[in-house]
Protein backbone atom coordinates (compact mmCIF):
# COMPACT_ATOMS: atom_id res chain seq x y z
CA MET A 1 -5.63 11.62 -2.20
CA LEU A 2 -5.79 8.81 -0.51
CA THR A 3 -5.30 7.96 2.60
CA VAL A 4 -5.02 5.16 5.38
CA ASP A 5 -3.46 4.78 8.75
CA ALA A 6 -0.85 2.54 9.03
CA ARG A 7 -2.22 1.74 12.95
CA GLY A 8 -4.69 -0.66 11.17
CA PHE A 9 -1.67 -2.58 9.71
CA VAL A 10 -2.09 -5.06 12.29
CA SER A 11 -1.42 -8.38 10.04
CA LYS A 12 -0.77 -9.09 6.69
CA HIS A 13 -4.04 -10.30 6.18
CA GLU A 14 -5.55 -6.59 7.95
CA THR A 15 -2.89 -4.54 5.52
CA HIS A 16 -4.00 -5.65 2.44
CA ALA A 17 -7.45 -5.55 3.28
CA LEU A 18 -7.16 -1.91 4.99
CA LEU A 19 -5.21 -1.24 1.42
CA ARG A 20 -7.74 -2.65 -0.56
CA SER A 21 -10.91 -0.63 1.50
CA VAL A 22 -8.46 2.60 0.04
CA LEU A 23 -7.79 1.26 -3.18
CA GLY A 24 -11.53 0.83 -3.84
CA GLU A 25 -12.53 -2.90 -4.06
CA GLU A 26 -12.86 -3.01 -7.57
CA ASN A 27 -9.06 -3.00 -7.19
CA TYR A 28 -9.32 -6.63 -5.80
CA TRP A 29 -6.02 -7.99 -5.16
CA GLY A 30 -5.01 -11.50 -3.72
CA SER A 31 -3.50 -10.71 -0.30
CA ASN A 32 0.13 -10.73 -1.18
CA LEU A 33 2.88 -8.10 -2.32
CA ASP A 34 3.38 -9.22 -5.74
CA ALA A 35 -0.61 -8.51 -6.22
CA LEU A 36 -0.24 -5.32 -4.87
CA HIS A 37 2.15 -4.13 -6.67
CA ASP A 38 0.57 -5.72 -10.18
CA CYS A 39 -2.31 -3.45 -9.01
CA LEU A 40 -0.69 -0.40 -8.25
CA THR A 41 1.03 -0.29 -11.70
CA MET A 42 -2.63 -0.42 -13.29
CA ILE A 43 -3.67 3.01 -11.84
CA PHE A 44 -4.00 5.09 -14.93
CA GLU A 45 -5.05 8.12 -13.59
CA PRO A 46 -3.14 10.37 -11.28
CA THR A 47 -3.05 8.82 -8.19
CA THR A 48 -1.52 10.16 -4.42
CA LEU A 49 -1.47 7.31 -2.02
CA VAL A 50 -0.30 8.33 1.34
CA ILE A 51 -0.15 5.95 4.58
CA LYS A 52 0.44 7.81 7.76
CA ASN A 53 1.88 6.09 10.98
CA TRP A 54 4.45 4.20 9.62
CA SER A 55 6.19 3.22 12.37
CA ALA A 56 2.76 1.51 13.81
CA ALA A 57 2.97 -0.58 10.53
CA VAL A 58 7.03 -1.45 11.71
CA LYS A 59 6.32 -2.35 14.80
CA ASN A 60 3.60 -4.51 14.17
CA LEU A 61 4.69 -6.07 10.90
CA GLY A 62 8.34 -5.87 11.58
CA ASP A 63 10.79 -6.84 8.22
CA TYR A 64 6.91 -7.37 6.34
CA ALA A 65 6.25 -3.79 6.47
CA ASP A 66 9.91 -3.61 5.05
CA ARG A 67 9.11 -4.98 1.96
CA LEU A 68 5.57 -3.02 1.86
CA TRP A 69 7.60 -0.28 1.92
CA HIS A 70 10.15 -1.51 -0.55
CA VAL A 71 6.49 -2.43 -3.32
CA LEU A 72 4.60 0.89 -2.76
CA ASP A 73 8.28 2.53 -3.64
CA ASP A 74 8.77 -0.18 -6.63
CA SER A 75 5.21 0.73 -7.91
CA ALA A 76 5.80 4.28 -7.48
CA GLU A 77 8.68 4.24 -9.41
CA GLU A 78 7.01 1.96 -12.37
CA ASN A 79 3.76 4.08 -12.30
CA PRO A 80 4.17 7.98 -13.36
CA PHE A 81 0.76 8.11 -12.49
CA LEU A 82 1.26 6.92 -8.92
CA ASN A 83 2.49 9.15 -5.94
CA VAL A 84 3.29 7.04 -2.45
CA VAL A 85 3.98 9.18 0.46
CA ILE A 86 4.73 7.84 3.92
CA GLU A 87 4.40 9.44 7.02
């Protein structure tokens, strides 16, 4: 299980940097949602990604948090190895 605290999602750049640090630097992607989706759908072992304090992401990122949530949700739907839990 991989856990990330969304209180660190203070900007788009910091959001992607924090996710990259949790997913592993070898899973490098460009700092955008399309590239994140590509990375998440290329996971080939059972993985649960838990994002805590989601309300902080909504507060800090506004509409970008909604778009991020959709990417996380869509990626988990497409990838049977990925489970995303948002708290």
